[in-house]
Full PDB file with SEQRES, HELIX, SHEET, SSBOND, CRYST1, ORIGX, SCALE, CONECT and MASTER records, all heavy atoms in Angstrom:
SEQRES   1 A   35  LYS THR ILE GLY ASP PHE LEU LEU ASN ILE ASP ASP ILE          
SEQRES   2 A   35  ASP ALA GLY ILE PHE VAL LEU ASN ILE SER LEU SER ASN          
SEQRES   3 A   35  PRO THR ASN LEU LYS ILE ALA LYS GLN                          
HELIX    1 AA1 ILE A    3  LEU A    8  1                                   6    
HELIX    2 AA2 ILE A   10  ASP A   12  5                                   3    
HELIX    3 AA3 PRO A   27  LYS A   34  1                                   8    
CRYST1    1.000    1.000    1.000  90.00  90.00  90.00 P 1           1          
ORIGX1      1.000000  0.000000  0.000000        0.00000                         
ORIGX2      0.000000  1.000000  0.000000        0.00000                         
ORIGX3      0.000000  0.000000  1.000000        0.00000                         
SCALE1      1.000000  0.000000  0.000000        0.00000                         
SCALE2      0.000000  1.000000  0.000000        0.00000                         
SCALE3      0.000000  0.000000  1.000000        0.00000                         
ATOM      1  N   LYS A   1       0.805  -1.219  -0.023  1.00  0.00           N  
ATOM      2  CA  LYS A   1       0.021  -0.002  -0.031  1.00  0.00           C  
ATOM      3  C   LYS A   1       0.864   1.312  -0.049  1.00  0.00           C  
ATOM      4  O   LYS A   1       0.336   2.311  -0.411  1.00  0.00           O  
ATOM      5  CB  LYS A   1      -0.964  -0.007   1.227  1.00  0.00           C  
ATOM      6  CG  LYS A   1      -1.975  -1.088   1.123  1.00  0.00           C  
ATOM      7  CD  LYS A   1      -2.925  -1.100   2.283  1.00  0.00           C  
ATOM      8  CE  LYS A   1      -4.000  -2.128   2.233  1.00  0.00           C  
ATOM      9  NZ  LYS A   1      -4.920  -2.095   3.357  1.00  0.00           N  
ATOM     10  N   THR A   2       2.073   1.183   0.508  1.00  0.00           N  
ATOM     11  CA  THR A   2       2.969   2.317   0.463  1.00  0.00           C  
ATOM     12  C   THR A   2       4.394   1.848   0.193  1.00  0.00           C  
ATOM     13  O   THR A   2       4.699   0.675   0.292  1.00  0.00           O  
ATOM     14  CB  THR A   2       2.975   3.080   1.775  1.00  0.00           C  
ATOM     15  OG1 THR A   2       3.548   2.256   2.835  1.00  0.00           O  
ATOM     16  CG2 THR A   2       1.567   3.518   2.201  1.00  0.00           C  
ATOM     17  N   ILE A   3       5.282   2.761  -0.137  1.00  0.00           N  
ATOM     18  CA  ILE A   3       6.682   2.384  -0.364  1.00  0.00           C  
ATOM     19  C   ILE A   3       7.226   2.000   0.976  1.00  0.00           C  
ATOM     20  O   ILE A   3       8.097   1.077   1.061  1.00  0.00           O  
ATOM     21  CB  ILE A   3       7.447   3.616  -0.975  1.00  0.00           C  
ATOM     22  CG1 ILE A   3       7.009   3.833  -2.395  1.00  0.00           C  
ATOM     23  CG2 ILE A   3       8.944   3.379  -0.952  1.00  0.00           C  
ATOM     24  CD1 ILE A   3       7.683   5.038  -3.070  1.00  0.00           C  
ATOM     25  N   GLY A   4       6.821   2.647   2.042  1.00  0.00           N  
ATOM     26  CA  GLY A   4       7.258   2.305   3.402  1.00  0.00           C  
ATOM     27  C   GLY A   4       6.884   0.837   3.777  1.00  0.00           C  
ATOM     28  O   GLY A   4       7.709   0.153   4.355  1.00  0.00           O  
ATOM     29  N   ASP A   5       5.687   0.411   3.398  1.00  0.00           N  
ATOM     30  CA  ASP A   5       5.311  -0.925   3.625  1.00  0.00           C  
ATOM     31  C   ASP A   5       6.160  -1.890   2.856  1.00  0.00           C  
ATOM     32  O   ASP A   5       6.515  -3.015   3.379  1.00  0.00           O  
ATOM     33  CB  ASP A   5       3.816  -1.107   3.159  1.00  0.00           C  
ATOM     34  CG  ASP A   5       3.239  -2.475   3.438  1.00  0.00           C  
ATOM     35  OD1 ASP A   5       3.688  -3.131   4.358  1.00  0.00           O  
ATOM     36  OD2 ASP A   5       2.334  -2.889   2.768  1.00  0.00           O  
ATOM     37  N   PHE A   6       6.468  -1.637   1.636  1.00  0.00           N  
ATOM     38  CA  PHE A   6       7.433  -2.384   0.825  1.00  0.00           C  
ATOM     39  C   PHE A   6       8.764  -2.513   1.509  1.00  0.00           C  
ATOM     40  O   PHE A   6       9.289  -3.611   1.619  1.00  0.00           O  
ATOM     41  CB  PHE A   6       7.495  -1.807  -0.543  1.00  0.00           C  
ATOM     42  CG  PHE A   6       8.690  -2.390  -1.381  1.00  0.00           C  
ATOM     43  CD1 PHE A   6       8.521  -3.582  -1.942  1.00  0.00           C  
ATOM     44  CD2 PHE A   6       9.868  -1.679  -1.481  1.00  0.00           C  
ATOM     45  CE1 PHE A   6       9.657  -4.161  -2.694  1.00  0.00           C  
ATOM     46  CE2 PHE A   6      10.947  -2.197  -2.228  1.00  0.00           C  
ATOM     47  CZ  PHE A   6      10.767  -3.424  -2.804  1.00  0.00           C  
ATOM     48  N   LEU A   7       9.322  -1.425   1.919  1.00  0.00           N  
ATOM     49  CA  LEU A   7      10.651  -1.425   2.561  1.00  0.00           C  
ATOM     50  C   LEU A   7      10.669  -2.271   3.820  1.00  0.00           C  
ATOM     51  O   LEU A   7      11.687  -2.871   4.166  1.00  0.00           O  
ATOM     52  CB  LEU A   7      11.094  -0.015   2.843  1.00  0.00           C  
ATOM     53  CG  LEU A   7      11.373   0.888   1.622  1.00  0.00           C  
ATOM     54  CD1 LEU A   7      11.692   2.352   2.034  1.00  0.00           C  
ATOM     55  CD2 LEU A   7      12.510   0.294   0.781  1.00  0.00           C  
ATOM     56  N   LEU A   8       9.571  -2.251   4.571  1.00  0.00           N  
ATOM     57  CA  LEU A   8       9.532  -3.110   5.768  1.00  0.00           C  
ATOM     58  C   LEU A   8       9.610  -4.661   5.500  1.00  0.00           C  
ATOM     59  O   LEU A   8      10.037  -5.428   6.295  1.00  0.00           O  
ATOM     60  CB  LEU A   8       8.216  -2.813   6.587  1.00  0.00           C  
ATOM     61  CG  LEU A   8       8.168  -1.490   7.250  1.00  0.00           C  
ATOM     62  CD1 LEU A   8       6.777  -1.295   7.883  1.00  0.00           C  
ATOM     63  CD2 LEU A   8       9.219  -1.377   8.349  1.00  0.00           C  
ATOM     64  N   ASN A   9       9.199  -4.950   4.273  1.00  0.00           N  
ATOM     65  CA  ASN A   9       9.183  -6.410   3.835  1.00  0.00           C  
ATOM     66  C   ASN A   9      10.271  -6.781   2.794  1.00  0.00           C  
ATOM     67  O   ASN A   9      10.214  -7.817   2.272  1.00  0.00           O  
ATOM     68  CB  ASN A   9       7.785  -6.694   3.293  1.00  0.00           C  
ATOM     69  CG  ASN A   9       6.684  -6.660   4.280  1.00  0.00           C  
ATOM     70  OD1 ASN A   9       6.434  -7.604   4.974  1.00  0.00           O  
ATOM     71  ND2 ASN A   9       6.062  -5.458   4.322  1.00  0.00           N  
ATOM     72  N   ILE A  10      11.199  -5.819   2.575  1.00  0.00           N  
ATOM     73  CA  ILE A  10      12.071  -6.018   1.456  1.00  0.00           C  
ATOM     74  C   ILE A  10      12.944  -7.247   1.597  1.00  0.00           C  
ATOM     75  O   ILE A  10      13.318  -7.806   0.587  1.00  0.00           O  
ATOM     76  CB  ILE A  10      12.985  -4.709   1.357  1.00  0.00           C  
ATOM     77  CG1 ILE A  10      13.649  -4.694  -0.064  1.00  0.00           C  
ATOM     78  CG2 ILE A  10      13.952  -4.615   2.479  1.00  0.00           C  
ATOM     79  CD1 ILE A  10      14.275  -3.361  -0.360  1.00  0.00           C  
ATOM     80  N   ASP A  11      13.292  -7.679   2.776  1.00  0.00           N  
ATOM     81  CA  ASP A  11      14.141  -8.829   2.927  1.00  0.00           C  
ATOM     82  C   ASP A  11      13.482 -10.146   2.622  1.00  0.00           C  
ATOM     83  O   ASP A  11      14.150 -11.189   2.420  1.00  0.00           O  
ATOM     84  CB  ASP A  11      14.602  -8.881   4.415  1.00  0.00           C  
ATOM     85  CG  ASP A  11      15.608  -7.831   4.718  1.00  0.00           C  
ATOM     86  OD1 ASP A  11      16.306  -7.289   3.811  1.00  0.00           O  
ATOM     87  OD2 ASP A  11      15.739  -7.407   5.958  1.00  0.00           O  
ATOM     88  N   ASP A  12      12.092 -10.112   2.547  1.00  0.00           N  
ATOM     89  CA  ASP A  12      11.386 -11.303   2.160  1.00  0.00           C  
ATOM     90  C   ASP A  12      10.907 -11.381   0.705  1.00  0.00           C  
ATOM     91  O   ASP A  12      10.132 -12.259   0.345  1.00  0.00           O  
ATOM     92  CB  ASP A  12      10.155 -11.464   3.037  1.00  0.00           C  
ATOM     93  CG  ASP A  12      10.474 -11.497   4.562  1.00  0.00           C  
ATOM     94  OD1 ASP A  12      11.452 -12.198   4.898  1.00  0.00           O  
ATOM     95  OD2 ASP A  12       9.785 -10.832   5.323  1.00  0.00           O  
ATOM     96  N   ILE A  13      11.411 -10.444  -0.103  1.00  0.00           N  
ATOM     97  CA  ILE A  13      10.979 -10.293  -1.498  1.00  0.00           C  
ATOM     98  C   ILE A  13      11.908 -11.058  -2.464  1.00  0.00           C  
ATOM     99  O   ILE A  13      13.107 -10.899  -2.365  1.00  0.00           O  
ATOM    100  CB  ILE A  13      10.805  -8.866  -1.828  1.00  0.00           C  
ATOM    101  CG1 ILE A  13       9.734  -8.186  -1.069  1.00  0.00           C  
ATOM    102  CG2 ILE A  13      10.566  -8.694  -3.387  1.00  0.00           C  
ATOM    103  CD1 ILE A  13       9.565  -6.720  -1.285  1.00  0.00           C  
ATOM    104  N   ASP A  14      11.264 -11.902  -3.265  1.00  0.00           N  
ATOM    105  CA  ASP A  14      12.010 -12.649  -4.322  1.00  0.00           C  
ATOM    106  C   ASP A  14      12.090 -11.801  -5.588  1.00  0.00           C  
ATOM    107  O   ASP A  14      11.486 -10.791  -5.679  1.00  0.00           O  
ATOM    108  CB  ASP A  14      11.274 -13.994  -4.587  1.00  0.00           C  
ATOM    109  CG  ASP A  14      11.290 -14.914  -3.413  1.00  0.00           C  
ATOM    110  OD1 ASP A  14      12.290 -14.989  -2.620  1.00  0.00           O  
ATOM    111  OD2 ASP A  14      10.230 -15.596  -3.203  1.00  0.00           O  
ATOM    112  N   ALA A  15      12.967 -12.280  -6.441  1.00  0.00           N  
ATOM    113  CA  ALA A  15      13.126 -11.599  -7.721  1.00  0.00           C  
ATOM    114  C   ALA A  15      11.801 -11.529  -8.466  1.00  0.00           C  
ATOM    115  O   ALA A  15      10.984 -12.385  -8.390  1.00  0.00           O  
ATOM    116  CB  ALA A  15      14.141 -12.313  -8.591  1.00  0.00           C  
ATOM    117  N   GLY A  16      11.607 -10.426  -9.231  1.00  0.00           N  
ATOM    118  CA  GLY A  16      10.421 -10.273  -9.981  1.00  0.00           C  
ATOM    119  C   GLY A  16      10.432  -8.951 -10.730  1.00  0.00           C  
ATOM    120  O   GLY A  16      11.487  -8.314 -10.891  1.00  0.00           O  
ATOM    121  N   ILE A  17       9.272  -8.469 -11.081  1.00  0.00           N  
ATOM    122  CA  ILE A  17       9.204  -7.188 -11.783  1.00  0.00           C  
ATOM    123  C   ILE A  17       8.335  -6.259 -10.885  1.00  0.00           C  
ATOM    124  O   ILE A  17       7.336  -6.689 -10.304  1.00  0.00           O  
ATOM    125  CB  ILE A  17       8.526  -7.265 -13.186  1.00  0.00           C  
ATOM    126  CG1 ILE A  17       8.667  -5.997 -13.934  1.00  0.00           C  
ATOM    127  CG2 ILE A  17       7.139  -7.849 -13.113  1.00  0.00           C  
ATOM    128  CD1 ILE A  17       8.430  -6.195 -15.447  1.00  0.00           C  
ATOM    129  N   PHE A  18       8.753  -4.982 -10.741  1.00  0.00           N  
ATOM    130  CA  PHE A  18       8.139  -4.051  -9.862  1.00  0.00           C  
ATOM    131  C   PHE A  18       7.389  -3.002 -10.600  1.00  0.00           C  
ATOM    132  O   PHE A  18       7.772  -2.491 -11.603  1.00  0.00           O  
ATOM    133  CB  PHE A  18       9.195  -3.379  -8.988  1.00  0.00           C  
ATOM    134  CG  PHE A  18       9.927  -4.230  -8.073  1.00  0.00           C  
ATOM    135  CD1 PHE A  18      11.011  -5.014  -8.518  1.00  0.00           C  
ATOM    136  CD2 PHE A  18       9.535  -4.421  -6.765  1.00  0.00           C  
ATOM    137  CE1 PHE A  18      11.716  -5.896  -7.703  1.00  0.00           C  
ATOM    138  CE2 PHE A  18      10.170  -5.380  -5.892  1.00  0.00           C  
ATOM    139  CZ  PHE A  18      11.295  -6.081  -6.385  1.00  0.00           C  
ATOM    140  N   VAL A  19       6.132  -2.819 -10.116  1.00  0.00           N  
ATOM    141  CA  VAL A  19       5.233  -1.770 -10.718  1.00  0.00           C  
ATOM    142  C   VAL A  19       5.117  -0.659  -9.655  1.00  0.00           C  
ATOM    143  O   VAL A  19       4.479  -0.875  -8.567  1.00  0.00           O  
ATOM    144  CB  VAL A  19       3.879  -2.298 -11.106  1.00  0.00           C  
ATOM    145  CG1 VAL A  19       3.005  -1.173 -11.665  1.00  0.00           C  
ATOM    146  CG2 VAL A  19       4.051  -3.474 -12.131  1.00  0.00           C  
ATOM    147  N   LEU A  20       5.659   0.467  -9.980  1.00  0.00           N  
ATOM    148  CA  LEU A  20       5.600   1.642  -9.001  1.00  0.00           C  
ATOM    149  C   LEU A  20       4.545   2.601  -9.507  1.00  0.00           C  
ATOM    150  O   LEU A  20       4.770   3.297 -10.571  1.00  0.00           O  
ATOM    151  CB  LEU A  20       7.002   2.321  -8.854  1.00  0.00           C  
ATOM    152  CG  LEU A  20       7.067   3.509  -7.977  1.00  0.00           C  
ATOM    153  CD1 LEU A  20       6.695   3.208  -6.568  1.00  0.00           C  
ATOM    154  CD2 LEU A  20       8.474   4.141  -8.066  1.00  0.00           C  
ATOM    155  N   ASN A  21       3.471   2.778  -8.704  1.00  0.00           N  
ATOM    156  CA  ASN A  21       2.438   3.747  -9.084  1.00  0.00           C  
ATOM    157  C   ASN A  21       2.627   4.945  -8.170  1.00  0.00           C  
ATOM    158  O   ASN A  21       2.382   4.930  -7.013  1.00  0.00           O  
ATOM    159  CB  ASN A  21       1.119   3.035  -8.876  1.00  0.00           C  
ATOM    160  CG  ASN A  21      -0.048   3.975  -9.161  1.00  0.00           C  
ATOM    161  OD1 ASN A  21      -1.159   3.844  -8.693  1.00  0.00           O  
ATOM    162  ND2 ASN A  21       0.136   4.934 -10.042  1.00  0.00           N  
ATOM    163  N   ILE A  22       3.017   6.085  -8.875  1.00  0.00           N  
ATOM    164  CA  ILE A  22       3.357   7.245  -8.061  1.00  0.00           C  
ATOM    165  C   ILE A  22       3.052   8.491  -8.867  1.00  0.00           C  
ATOM    166  O   ILE A  22       3.274   8.469 -10.086  1.00  0.00           O  
ATOM    167  CB  ILE A  22       4.807   7.189  -7.586  1.00  0.00           C  
ATOM    168  CG1 ILE A  22       5.119   8.313  -6.586  1.00  0.00           C  
ATOM    169  CG2 ILE A  22       5.771   7.255  -8.795  1.00  0.00           C  
ATOM    170  CD1 ILE A  22       6.431   8.176  -5.889  1.00  0.00           C  
ATOM    171  N   SER A  23       2.628   9.587  -8.223  1.00  0.00           N  
ATOM    172  CA  SER A  23       2.449  10.766  -8.933  1.00  0.00           C  
ATOM    173  C   SER A  23       3.801  11.424  -9.039  1.00  0.00           C  
ATOM    174  O   SER A  23       4.628  11.475  -8.192  1.00  0.00           O  
ATOM    175  CB  SER A  23       1.560  11.763  -8.079  1.00  0.00           C  
ATOM    176  OG  SER A  23       1.522  13.099  -8.621  1.00  0.00           O  
ATOM    177  N   LEU A  24       4.001  12.001 -10.273  1.00  0.00           N  
ATOM    178  CA  LEU A  24       5.356  12.658 -10.539  1.00  0.00           C  
ATOM    179  C   LEU A  24       5.194  14.136 -10.736  1.00  0.00           C  
ATOM    180  O   LEU A  24       6.022  14.844 -11.311  1.00  0.00           O  
ATOM    181  CB  LEU A  24       5.954  12.052 -11.871  1.00  0.00           C  
ATOM    182  CG  LEU A  24       6.202  10.540 -11.837  1.00  0.00           C  
ATOM    183  CD1 LEU A  24       6.608  10.009 -13.165  1.00  0.00           C  
ATOM    184  CD2 LEU A  24       7.344  10.257 -10.848  1.00  0.00           C  
ATOM    185  N   SER A  25       4.146  14.696 -10.105  1.00  0.00           N  
ATOM    186  CA  SER A  25       3.859  16.097 -10.247  1.00  0.00           C  
ATOM    187  C   SER A  25       4.749  17.037  -9.385  1.00  0.00           C  
ATOM    188  O   SER A  25       4.711  18.211  -9.562  1.00  0.00           O  
ATOM    189  CB  SER A  25       2.390  16.397  -9.943  1.00  0.00           C  
ATOM    190  OG  SER A  25       2.147  15.998  -8.584  1.00  0.00           O  
ATOM    191  N   ASN A  26       5.494  16.434  -8.517  1.00  0.00           N  
ATOM    192  CA  ASN A  26       6.388  17.221  -7.654  1.00  0.00           C  
ATOM    193  C   ASN A  26       7.795  16.617  -7.602  1.00  0.00           C  
ATOM    194  O   ASN A  26       7.958  15.396  -7.724  1.00  0.00           O  
ATOM    195  CB  ASN A  26       5.814  17.437  -6.299  1.00  0.00           C  
ATOM    196  CG  ASN A  26       5.748  16.168  -5.505  1.00  0.00           C  
ATOM    197  OD1 ASN A  26       6.766  15.655  -4.981  1.00  0.00           O  
ATOM    198  ND2 ASN A  26       4.558  15.675  -5.291  1.00  0.00           N  
ATOM    199  N   PRO A  27       8.824  17.402  -7.424  1.00  0.00           N  
ATOM    200  CA  PRO A  27      10.211  16.966  -7.402  1.00  0.00           C  
ATOM    201  C   PRO A  27      10.505  15.892  -6.329  1.00  0.00           C  
ATOM    202  O   PRO A  27      11.318  14.972  -6.580  1.00  0.00           O  
ATOM    203  CB  PRO A  27      11.062  18.223  -7.176  1.00  0.00           C  
ATOM    204  CG  PRO A  27      10.167  19.331  -7.643  1.00  0.00           C  
ATOM    205  CD  PRO A  27       8.791  18.827  -7.275  1.00  0.00           C  
ATOM    206  N   THR A  28       9.799  15.972  -5.161  1.00  0.00           N  
ATOM    207  CA  THR A  28      10.059  14.988  -4.091  1.00  0.00           C  
ATOM    208  C   THR A  28       9.644  13.573  -4.563  1.00  0.00           C  
ATOM    209  O   THR A  28      10.403  12.625  -4.312  1.00  0.00           O  
ATOM    210  CB  THR A  28       9.264  15.438  -2.867  1.00  0.00           C  
ATOM    211  OG1 THR A  28       9.674  16.725  -2.385  1.00  0.00           O  
ATOM    212  CG2 THR A  28       9.427  14.336  -1.747  1.00  0.00           C  
ATOM    213  N   ASN A  29       8.537  13.444  -5.137  1.00  0.00           N  
ATOM    214  CA  ASN A  29       8.111  12.109  -5.612  1.00  0.00           C  
ATOM    215  C   ASN A  29       8.992  11.593  -6.689  1.00  0.00           C  
ATOM    216  O   ASN A  29       9.246  10.370  -6.762  1.00  0.00           O  
ATOM    217  CB  ASN A  29       6.650  12.171  -6.092  1.00  0.00           C  
ATOM    218  CG  ASN A  29       5.661  12.098  -5.001  1.00  0.00           C  
ATOM    219  OD1 ASN A  29       6.048  12.150  -3.804  1.00  0.00           O  
ATOM    220  ND2 ASN A  29       4.393  12.023  -5.346  1.00  0.00           N  
ATOM    221  N   LEU A  30       9.545  12.468  -7.522  1.00  0.00           N  
ATOM    222  CA  LEU A  30      10.431  12.020  -8.623  1.00  0.00           C  
ATOM    223  C   LEU A  30      11.658  11.496  -7.957  1.00  0.00           C  
ATOM    224  O   LEU A  30      12.273  10.485  -8.431  1.00  0.00           O  
ATOM    225  CB  LEU A  30      10.742  13.213  -9.551  1.00  0.00           C  
ATOM    226  CG  LEU A  30      11.797  12.880 -10.630  1.00  0.00           C  
ATOM    227  CD1 LEU A  30      11.267  11.793 -11.530  1.00  0.00           C  
ATOM    228  CD2 LEU A  30      12.005  14.186 -11.430  1.00  0.00           C  
ATOM    229  N   LYS A  31      12.207  12.159  -6.962  1.00  0.00           N  
ATOM    230  CA  LYS A  31      13.404  11.754  -6.246  1.00  0.00           C  
ATOM    231  C   LYS A  31      13.130  10.428  -5.565  1.00  0.00           C  
ATOM    232  O   LYS A  31      13.964   9.492  -5.591  1.00  0.00           O  
ATOM    233  CB  LYS A  31      13.825  12.823  -5.229  1.00  0.00           C  
ATOM    234  CG  LYS A  31      15.043  12.440  -4.428  1.00  0.00           C  
ATOM    235  CD  LYS A  31      15.413  13.574  -3.437  1.00  0.00           C  
ATOM    236  CE  LYS A  31      16.688  13.219  -2.682  1.00  0.00           C  
ATOM    237  NZ  LYS A  31      17.078  14.267  -1.663  1.00  0.00           N  
ATOM    238  N   ILE A  32      11.958  10.223  -4.982  1.00  0.00           N  
ATOM    239  CA  ILE A  32      11.594   8.986  -4.317  1.00  0.00           C  
ATOM    240  C   ILE A  32      11.529   7.877  -5.328  1.00  0.00           C  
ATOM    241  O   ILE A  32      12.068   6.722  -5.056  1.00  0.00           O  
ATOM    242  CB  ILE A  32      10.272   9.085  -3.558  1.00  0.00           C  
ATOM    243  CG1 ILE A  32      10.349   9.991  -2.374  1.00  0.00           C  
ATOM    244  CG2 ILE A  32       9.688   7.733  -3.196  1.00  0.00           C  
ATOM    245  CD1 ILE A  32       9.014  10.386  -1.743  1.00  0.00           C  
ATOM    246  N   ALA A  33      11.051   8.097  -6.487  1.00  0.00           N  
ATOM    247  CA  ALA A  33      10.931   7.136  -7.590  1.00  0.00           C  
ATOM    248  C   ALA A  33      12.313   6.677  -8.005  1.00  0.00           C  
ATOM    249  O   ALA A  33      12.556   5.481  -8.199  1.00  0.00           O  
ATOM    250  CB  ALA A  33      10.125   7.607  -8.745  1.00  0.00           C  
ATOM    251  N   LYS A  34      13.231   7.604  -8.197  1.00  0.00           N  
ATOM    252  CA  LYS A  34      14.576   7.288  -8.651  1.00  0.00           C  
ATOM    253  C   LYS A  34      15.335   6.448  -7.595  1.00  0.00           C  
ATOM    254  O   LYS A  34      16.002   5.539  -7.893  1.00  0.00           O  
ATOM    255  CB  LYS A  34      15.345   8.580  -9.011  1.00  0.00           C  
ATOM    256  CG  LYS A  34      14.846   9.251 -10.289  1.00  0.00           C  
ATOM    257  CD  LYS A  34      15.746  10.257 -10.824  1.00  0.00           C  
ATOM    258  CE  LYS A  34      15.720  11.528  -9.972  1.00  0.00           C  
ATOM    259  NZ  LYS A  34      16.468  12.666 -10.583  1.00  0.00           N  
ATOM    260  N   GLN A  35      15.075   6.780  -6.320  1.00  0.00           N  
ATOM    261  CA  GLN A  35      15.718   6.042  -5.232  1.00  0.00           C  
ATOM    262  C   GLN A  35      15.203   4.657  -5.230  1.00  0.00           C  
ATOM    263  O   GLN A  35      15.953   3.706  -5.001  1.00  0.00           O  
ATOM    264  CB  GLN A  35      15.457   6.725  -3.911  1.00  0.00           C  
ATOM    265  CG  GLN A  35      16.275   8.074  -3.740  1.00  0.00           C  
ATOM    266  CD  GLN A  35      15.891   8.850  -2.472  1.00  0.00           C  
ATOM    267  OE1 GLN A  35      14.816   8.590  -1.877  1.00  0.00           O  
ATOM    268  NE2 GLN A  35      16.777   9.696  -2.019  1.00  0.00           N  
TER     269      GLN A  35                                                      
MASTER        0    0    0    3    0    0    0    6  268    1    0    3          
END                                                                             
């Protein structure tokens, strides 16, 4: 549900393809997406 939720579970994630749904209307979100 959030990037934070993903990061909490990152150690249990297997290889795959990631779909990141995020608004890019502000520089902060763009920076988060690149990170």
